[in-house]
Amino acid sequence: MSNPAIYIIRENGENHFFSAYYGANALSPLLRLSQARAVQETLPEHPPIVHVFEHLDYDGNYRNPRLDDADMFCKRIPPNEMPQYNKDYAERSSFQMRMLFDLDQNSFMMEYNPNCPWYRTMGSFSIDLDAGIENVRKLLEHAEKRGISDFGALLTIYQRSTGLEDKLEYARGYMRFEEYLDSPQAEEDRRRYRELVVHQAQPDEEEMEER
């Protein structure tokens, strides 16, 4: 199951836009940027981060030329198409998250799309970019010591360590509550409650006779 996200990277005063088919989670953005930085240091031409980021495959390897889009972590969004992407994000749930890297200001923010019922209460979170990269380094170091390589397991550890797991569970609970309110069962429960209130409001026949 895909979890698409919009990635925006600001570098040297210019914004660059990407879509990532499996990018809507808390770990992928910082992990991929960490990989891009590591690759950048190995390339003699020392290209911009956005160039390296665009050329990462799903294993974090640098591919230049790029492989088919299906084999790459992300693909560029032409700037003239961004207004439509932003509109879709604001009105629909096709993109579940939006990531904003500001390399010039050393900041990172991730937003959970409230149009996704399971993210309704999540909002957005910000962190200094260097601190986020350091958190990922510590996570990978911890995982290596314990032989953990599965991305899902890494994501679980990361979400627990950052407190996001509790927030996500609350959001899922809120979604289930909203679903219940619109369900036939809720309507039946409301009907029974109204009948109970009416019944309790009516005087008992024996009580009436005693009066």
C-alpha atoms as a PDB file:
ATOM      1  CA  MET A   1       0.000   0.000   0.000  1.00  0.00           C
ATOM      2  CA  SER A   2       1.446   3.365  -1.012  1.00  0.00           C
ATOM      3  CA  ASN A   3       1.731   6.387   1.257  1.00  0.00           C
ATOM      4  CA  PRO A   4       2.521   9.338  -1.036  1.00  0.00           C
ATOM      5  CA  ALA A   5       4.032  12.569   0.218  1.00  0.00           C
ATOM      6  CA  ILE A   6       5.197  15.909  -1.149  1.00  0.00           C
ATOM      7  CA  TYR A   7       8.807  16.854  -0.412  1.00  0.00           C
ATOM      8  CA  ILE A   8       9.977  20.468  -0.680  1.00  0.00           C
ATOM      9  CA  ILE A   9      13.692  21.201  -0.366  1.00  0.00           C
ATOM     10  CA  ARG A  10      14.952  24.775  -0.158  1.00  0.00           C
ATOM     11  CA  GLU A  11      18.633  25.067  -1.063  1.00  0.00           C
ATOM     12  CA  ASN A  12      20.577  28.221  -1.901  1.00  0.00           C
ATOM     13  CA  GLY A  13      17.406  30.276  -1.903  1.00  0.00           C
ATOM     14  CA  GLU A  14      15.553  28.078  -4.384  1.00  0.00           C
ATOM     15  CA  ASN A  15      12.695  25.636  -3.772  1.00  0.00           C
ATOM     16  CA  HIS A  16      12.715  22.184  -5.360  1.00  0.00           C
ATOM     17  CA  PHE A  17       9.647  19.945  -5.382  1.00  0.00           C
ATOM     18  CA  PHE A  18       9.369  16.164  -5.303  1.00  0.00           C
ATOM     19  CA  SER A  19       6.743  13.482  -4.864  1.00  0.00           C
ATOM     20  CA  ALA A  20       7.601  10.277  -3.017  1.00  0.00           C
ATOM     21  CA  TYR A  21       5.295   7.299  -3.524  1.00  0.00           C
ATOM     22  CA  TYR A  22       6.247   5.699  -0.203  1.00  0.00           C
ATOM     23  CA  GLY A  23       7.428   8.844   1.549  1.00  0.00           C
ATOM     24  CA  ALA A  24       4.640   9.669   4.029  1.00  0.00           C
ATOM     25  CA  ASN A  25       6.187   8.599   7.315  1.00  0.00           C
ATOM     26  CA  ALA A  26       8.294  10.243   9.991  1.00  0.00           C
ATOM     27  CA  LEU A  27      11.552   8.442   9.222  1.00  0.00           C
ATOM     28  CA  SER A  28      11.944   8.525   5.431  1.00  0.00           C
ATOM     29  CA  PRO A  29      12.622  12.262   4.980  1.00  0.00           C
ATOM     30  CA  LEU A  30      15.477  12.540   7.476  1.00  0.00           C
ATOM     31  CA  LEU A  31      16.856   9.130   6.549  1.00  0.00           C
ATOM     32  CA  ARG A  32      16.945  10.027   2.838  1.00  0.00           C
ATOM     33  CA  LEU A  33      18.498  13.415   3.475  1.00  0.00           C
ATOM     34  CA  SER A  34      21.115  11.744   5.655  1.00  0.00           C
ATOM     35  CA  GLN A  35      21.864   9.346   2.804  1.00  0.00           C
ATOM     36  CA  ALA A  36      22.038  12.234   0.327  1.00  0.00           C
ATOM     37  CA  ARG A  37      24.545  14.070   2.513  1.00  0.00           C
ATOM     38  CA  ALA A  38      26.714  10.962   2.812  1.00  0.00           C
ATOM     39  CA  VAL A  39      26.682  10.441  -0.964  1.00  0.00           C
ATOM     40  CA  GLN A  40      27.407  14.116  -1.616  1.00  0.00           C
ATOM     41  CA  GLU A  41      30.647  13.851   0.350  1.00  0.00           C
ATOM     42  CA  THR A  42      31.867  11.000  -1.851  1.00  0.00           C
ATOM     43  CA  LEU A  43      31.274  12.726  -5.191  1.00  0.00           C
ATOM     44  CA  PRO A  44      34.199  14.762  -6.507  1.00  0.00           C
ATOM     45  CA  GLU A  45      31.959  17.394  -8.078  1.00  0.00           C
ATOM     46  CA  HIS A  46      30.128  17.863  -4.732  1.00  0.00           C
ATOM     47  CA  PRO A  47      26.716  18.481  -6.367  1.00  0.00           C
ATOM     48  CA  PRO A  48      23.803  20.174  -4.580  1.00  0.00           C
ATOM     49  CA  ILE A  49      21.832  18.055  -2.127  1.00  0.00           C
ATOM     50  CA  VAL A  50      18.705  18.301  -4.284  1.00  0.00           C
ATOM     51  CA  HIS A  51      20.568  16.678  -7.164  1.00  0.00           C
ATOM     52  CA  VAL A  52      21.727  13.774  -5.002  1.00  0.00           C
ATOM     53  CA  PHE A  53      18.295  13.440  -3.370  1.00  0.00           C
ATOM     54  CA  GLU A  54      16.651  13.120  -6.768  1.00  0.00           C
ATOM     55  CA  HIS A  55      19.041  10.310  -7.698  1.00  0.00           C
ATOM     56  CA  LEU A  56      18.546   8.048  -4.659  1.00  0.00           C
ATOM     57  CA  ASP A  57      16.953   4.659  -5.194  1.00  0.00           C
ATOM     58  CA  TYR A  58      14.924   2.820  -2.540  1.00  0.00           C
ATOM     59  CA  ASP A  59      18.107   1.436  -0.980  1.00  0.00           C
ATOM     60  CA  GLY A  60      19.673   4.864  -0.688  1.00  0.00           C
ATOM     61  CA  ASN A  61      22.105   4.278  -3.541  1.00  0.00           C
ATOM     62  CA  TYR A  62      23.051   7.086  -5.906  1.00  0.00           C
ATOM     63  CA  ARG A  63      21.859   6.380  -9.473  1.00  0.00           C
ATOM     64  CA  ASN A  64      23.027   8.709 -12.205  1.00  0.00           C
ATOM     65  CA  PRO A  65      21.445   8.392 -14.666  1.00  0.00           C
ATOM     66  CA  ARG A  66      18.247   7.680 -12.779  1.00  0.00           C
ATOM     67  CA  LEU A  67      16.519   4.346 -12.982  1.00  0.00           C
ATOM     68  CA  ASP A  68      12.853   4.140 -13.912  1.00  0.00           C
ATOM     69  CA  ASP A  69      10.683   6.255 -11.622  1.00  0.00           C
ATOM     70  CA  ALA A  70       9.244   3.108 -10.037  1.00  0.00           C
ATOM     71  CA  ASP A  71      12.741   2.215  -8.776  1.00  0.00           C
ATOM     72  CA  MET A  72      13.622   5.648  -7.386  1.00  0.00           C
ATOM     73  CA  PHE A  73      12.606   7.069  -4.020  1.00  0.00           C
ATOM     74  CA  CYS A  74      11.194  10.270  -5.494  1.00  0.00           C
ATOM     75  CA  LYS A  75      10.631  12.194  -8.687  1.00  0.00           C
ATOM     76  CA  ARG A  76      10.645  15.896  -9.425  1.00  0.00           C
ATOM     77  CA  ILE A  77       7.484  17.963  -9.613  1.00  0.00           C
ATOM     78  CA  PRO A  78       7.747  20.743 -12.220  1.00  0.00           C
ATOM     79  CA  PRO A  79       7.265  24.120 -10.488  1.00  0.00           C
ATOM     80  CA  ASN A  80       4.354  25.028 -12.754  1.00  0.00           C
ATOM     81  CA  GLU A  81       2.486  21.933 -11.497  1.00  0.00           C
ATOM     82  CA  MET A  82       2.902  22.733  -7.799  1.00  0.00           C
ATOM     83  CA  PRO A  83      -0.264  24.868  -7.510  1.00  0.00           C
ATOM     84  CA  GLN A  84      -2.320  21.809  -8.462  1.00  0.00           C
ATOM     85  CA  TYR A  85      -0.363  19.601  -6.037  1.00  0.00           C
ATOM     86  CA  ASN A  86      -0.946  22.124  -3.261  1.00  0.00           C
ATOM     87  CA  LYS A  87      -4.645  22.256  -4.103  1.00  0.00           C
ATOM     88  CA  ASP A  88      -4.884  18.467  -3.999  1.00  0.00           C
ATOM     89  CA  TYR A  89      -3.084  18.417  -0.656  1.00  0.00           C
ATOM     90  CA  ALA A  90      -5.419  21.045   0.812  1.00  0.00           C
ATOM     91  CA  GLU A  91      -8.617  19.415  -0.400  1.00  0.00           C
ATOM     92  CA  ARG A  92      -7.944  15.695  -0.648  1.00  0.00           C
ATOM     93  CA  SER A  93      -6.041  12.833   0.969  1.00  0.00           C
ATOM     94  CA  SER A  94      -4.106  11.643  -2.082  1.00  0.00           C
ATOM     95  CA  PHE A  95      -0.887  12.997  -0.507  1.00  0.00           C
ATOM     96  CA  GLN A  96      -0.792  11.971   3.133  1.00  0.00           C
ATOM     97  CA  MET A  97       2.065  14.195   4.313  1.00  0.00           C
ATOM     98  CA  ARG A  98       4.158  17.173   3.258  1.00  0.00           C
ATOM     99  CA  MET A  99       7.851  17.539   4.156  1.00  0.00           C
ATOM    100  CA  LEU A 100       9.628  20.882   4.112  1.00  0.00           C
ATOM    101  CA  PHE A 101      13.429  20.988   4.298  1.00  0.00           C
ATOM    102  CA  ASP A 102      15.060  24.401   4.566  1.00  0.00           C
ATOM    103  CA  LEU A 103      18.744  23.680   4.118  1.00  0.00           C
ATOM    104  CA  ASP A 104      19.530  27.400   4.249  1.00  0.00           C
ATOM    105  CA  GLN A 105      17.937  27.778   7.704  1.00  0.00           C
ATOM    106  CA  ASN A 106      18.824  24.279   8.996  1.00  0.00           C
ATOM    107  CA  SER A 107      15.185  23.397   9.664  1.00  0.00           C
ATOM    108  CA  PHE A 108      12.815  20.575   8.875  1.00  0.00           C
ATOM    109  CA  MET A 109       9.040  20.396   9.236  1.00  0.00           C
ATOM    110  CA  MET A 110       6.652  17.578   8.483  1.00  0.00           C
ATOM    111  CA  GLU A 111       2.903  18.003   8.171  1.00  0.00           C
ATOM    112  CA  TYR A 112       0.251  15.316   8.450  1.00  0.00           C
ATOM    113  CA  ASN A 113      -2.620  15.936   6.037  1.00  0.00           C
ATOM    114  CA  PRO A 114      -5.828  16.400   8.102  1.00  0.00           C
ATOM    115  CA  ASN A 115      -7.859  15.233   5.104  1.00  0.00           C
ATOM    116  CA  CYS A 116      -6.617  11.736   6.012  1.00  0.00           C
ATOM    117  CA  PRO A 117      -8.984  10.583   8.793  1.00  0.00           C
ATOM    118  CA  TRP A 118      -6.194   8.639  10.519  1.00  0.00           C
ATOM    119  CA  TYR A 119      -4.092  11.841  10.748  1.00  0.00           C
ATOM    120  CA  ARG A 120      -6.875  14.289  11.640  1.00  0.00           C
ATOM    121  CA  THR A 121      -5.372  15.342  14.977  1.00  0.00           C
ATOM    122  CA  MET A 122      -1.661  15.090  14.131  1.00  0.00           C
ATOM    123  CA  GLY A 123      -0.786  18.583  12.903  1.00  0.00           C
ATOM    124  CA  SER A 124       2.851  19.415  12.136  1.00  0.00           C
ATOM    125  CA  PHE A 125       6.228  18.956  13.809  1.00  0.00           C
ATOM    126  CA  SER A 126       9.489  20.887  13.431  1.00  0.00           C
ATOM    127  CA  ILE A 127      13.092  20.159  14.342  1.00  0.00           C
ATOM    128  CA  ASP A 128      16.527  21.577  13.611  1.00  0.00           C
ATOM    129  CA  LEU A 129      17.787  19.651  10.616  1.00  0.00           C
ATOM    130  CA  ASP A 130      21.128  18.772  12.182  1.00  0.00           C
ATOM    131  CA  ALA A 131      19.368  17.448  15.287  1.00  0.00           C
ATOM    132  CA  GLY A 132      17.073  15.327  13.134  1.00  0.00           C
ATOM    133  CA  ILE A 133      19.995  13.892  11.185  1.00  0.00           C
ATOM    134  CA  GLU A 134      21.766  13.089  14.466  1.00  0.00           C
ATOM    135  CA  ASN A 135      18.660  11.262  15.719  1.00  0.00           C
ATOM    136  CA  VAL A 136      18.699   9.132  12.577  1.00  0.00           C
ATOM    137  CA  ARG A 137      22.415   8.412  13.033  1.00  0.00           C
ATOM    138  CA  LYS A 138      21.776   7.190  16.573  1.00  0.00           C
ATOM    139  CA  LEU A 139      18.841   5.085  15.377  1.00  0.00           C
ATOM    140  CA  LEU A 140      20.912   3.382  12.685  1.00  0.00           C
ATOM    141  CA  GLU A 141      23.753   2.792  15.137  1.00  0.00           C
ATOM    142  CA  HIS A 142      21.316   1.194  17.593  1.00  0.00           C
ATOM    143  CA  ALA A 143      19.768  -0.920  14.829  1.00  0.00           C
ATOM    144  CA  GLU A 144      23.130  -2.132  13.558  1.00  0.00           C
ATOM    145  CA  LYS A 145      24.135  -3.339  17.013  1.00  0.00           C
ATOM    146  CA  ARG A 146      20.928  -5.348  17.229  1.00  0.00           C
ATOM    147  CA  GLY A 147      20.860  -6.601  13.677  1.00  0.00           C
ATOM    148  CA  ILE A 148      17.726  -4.641  12.744  1.00  0.00           C
ATOM    149  CA  SER A 149      17.457  -3.769   9.055  1.00  0.00           C
ATOM    150  CA  ASP A 150      13.715  -3.900   8.330  1.00  0.00           C
ATOM    151  CA  PHE A 151      12.381  -0.409   7.605  1.00  0.00           C
ATOM    152  CA  GLY A 152       9.100  -1.062   9.399  1.00  0.00           C
ATOM    153  CA  ALA A 153      10.957  -2.035  12.572  1.00  0.00           C
ATOM    154  CA  LEU A 154      13.174   1.053  12.297  1.00  0.00           C
ATOM    155  CA  LEU A 155      10.133   3.267  11.868  1.00  0.00           C
ATOM    156  CA  THR A 156       8.471   1.763  14.953  1.00  0.00           C
ATOM    157  CA  ILE A 157      11.568   2.400  17.073  1.00  0.00           C
ATOM    158  CA  TYR A 158      11.830   5.951  15.755  1.00  0.00           C
ATOM    159  CA  GLN A 159       8.177   6.757  16.432  1.00  0.00           C
ATOM    160  CA  ARG A 160       8.375   5.362  19.962  1.00  0.00           C
ATOM    161  CA  SER A 161      11.541   7.294  20.761  1.00  0.00           C
ATOM    162  CA  THR A 162      10.099  10.586  19.492  1.00  0.00           C
ATOM    163  CA  GLY A 163       6.648  10.205  21.097  1.00  0.00           C
ATOM    164  CA  LEU A 164       4.937  10.054  17.722  1.00  0.00           C
ATOM    165  CA  GLU A 165       3.573   6.568  18.334  1.00  0.00           C
ATOM    166  CA  ASP A 166       1.269   7.814  21.117  1.00  0.00           C
ATOM    167  CA  LYS A 167       0.085  10.717  18.961  1.00  0.00           C
ATOM    168  CA  LEU A 168      -0.600   8.382  16.037  1.00  0.00           C
ATOM    169  CA  GLU A 169      -2.541   5.988  18.260  1.00  0.00           C
ATOM    170  CA  TYR A 170      -4.636   8.881  19.573  1.00  0.00           C
ATOM    171  CA  ALA A 171      -5.298   9.995  15.981  1.00  0.00           C
ATOM    172  CA  ARG A 172      -6.404   6.471  15.028  1.00  0.00           C
ATOM    173  CA  GLY A 173      -8.682   6.357  18.067  1.00  0.00           C
ATOM    174  CA  TYR A 174     -10.211   9.674  17.081  1.00  0.00           C
ATOM    175  CA  MET A 175     -10.788   8.316  13.569  1.00  0.00           C
ATOM    176  CA  ARG A 176     -12.570   5.268  14.981  1.00  0.00           C
ATOM    177  CA  PHE A 177     -14.715   7.570  17.141  1.00  0.00           C
ATOM    178  CA  GLU A 178     -15.678   9.658  14.093  1.00  0.00           C
ATOM    179  CA  GLU A 179     -16.526   6.494  12.180  1.00  0.00           C
ATOM    180  CA  TYR A 180     -18.719   5.325  15.043  1.00  0.00           C
ATOM    181  CA  LEU A 181     -20.614   8.636  15.163  1.00  0.00           C
ATOM    182  CA  ASP A 182     -21.603   8.188  11.508  1.00  0.00           C
ATOM    183  CA  SER A 183     -22.411   4.486  11.834  1.00  0.00           C
ATOM    184  CA  PRO A 184     -25.821   2.730  11.989  1.00  0.00           C
ATOM    185  CA  GLN A 185     -24.835   1.452  15.425  1.00  0.00           C
ATOM    186  CA  ALA A 186     -24.466   4.998  16.717  1.00  0.00           C
ATOM    187  CA  GLU A 187     -27.864   5.938  15.297  1.00  0.00           C
ATOM    188  CA  GLU A 188     -29.394   2.903  17.012  1.00  0.00           C
ATOM    189  CA  ASP A 189     -27.691   3.801  20.291  1.00  0.00           C
ATOM    190  CA  ARG A 190     -29.021   7.361  20.045  1.00  0.00           C
ATOM    191  CA  ARG A 191     -32.548   6.042  19.384  1.00  0.00           C
ATOM    192  CA  ARG A 192     -32.413   3.782  22.421  1.00  0.00           C
ATOM    193  CA  TYR A 193     -31.094   6.603  24.559  1.00  0.00           C
ATOM    194  CA  ARG A 194     -33.959   8.898  23.501  1.00  0.00           C
ATOM    195  CA  GLU A 195     -36.486   6.172  24.314  1.00  0.00           C
ATOM    196  CA  LEU A 196     -34.886   5.673  27.723  1.00  0.00           C
ATOM    197  CA  VAL A 197     -35.022   9.397  28.491  1.00  0.00           C
ATOM    198  CA  VAL A 198     -38.691   9.593  27.466  1.00  0.00           C
ATOM    199  CA  HIS A 199     -39.541   6.523  29.559  1.00  0.00           C
ATOM    200  CA  GLN A 200     -37.809   7.916  32.645  1.00  0.00           C
ATOM    201  CA  ALA A 201     -39.584  11.229  32.219  1.00  0.00           C
ATOM    202  CA  GLN A 202     -43.040   9.560  32.318  1.00  0.00           C
ATOM    203  CA  PRO A 203     -44.465   9.036  35.884  1.00  0.00           C
ATOM    204  CA  ASP A 204     -44.894   5.426  36.953  1.00  0.00           C
ATOM    205  CA  GLU A 205     -48.554   4.287  36.934  1.00  0.00           C
ATOM    206  CA  GLU A 206     -48.391   3.078  40.554  1.00  0.00           C
ATOM    207  CA  GLU A 207     -46.853   6.370  41.601  1.00  0.00           C
ATOM    208  CA  MET A 208     -49.758   8.204  39.932  1.00  0.00           C
ATOM    209  CA  GLU A 209     -52.311   6.066  41.812  1.00  0.00           C
ATOM    210  CA  GLU A 210     -50.660   6.807  45.159  1.00  0.00           C
ATOM    211  CA  ARG A 211     -51.017  10.497  44.446  1.00  0.00           C
END
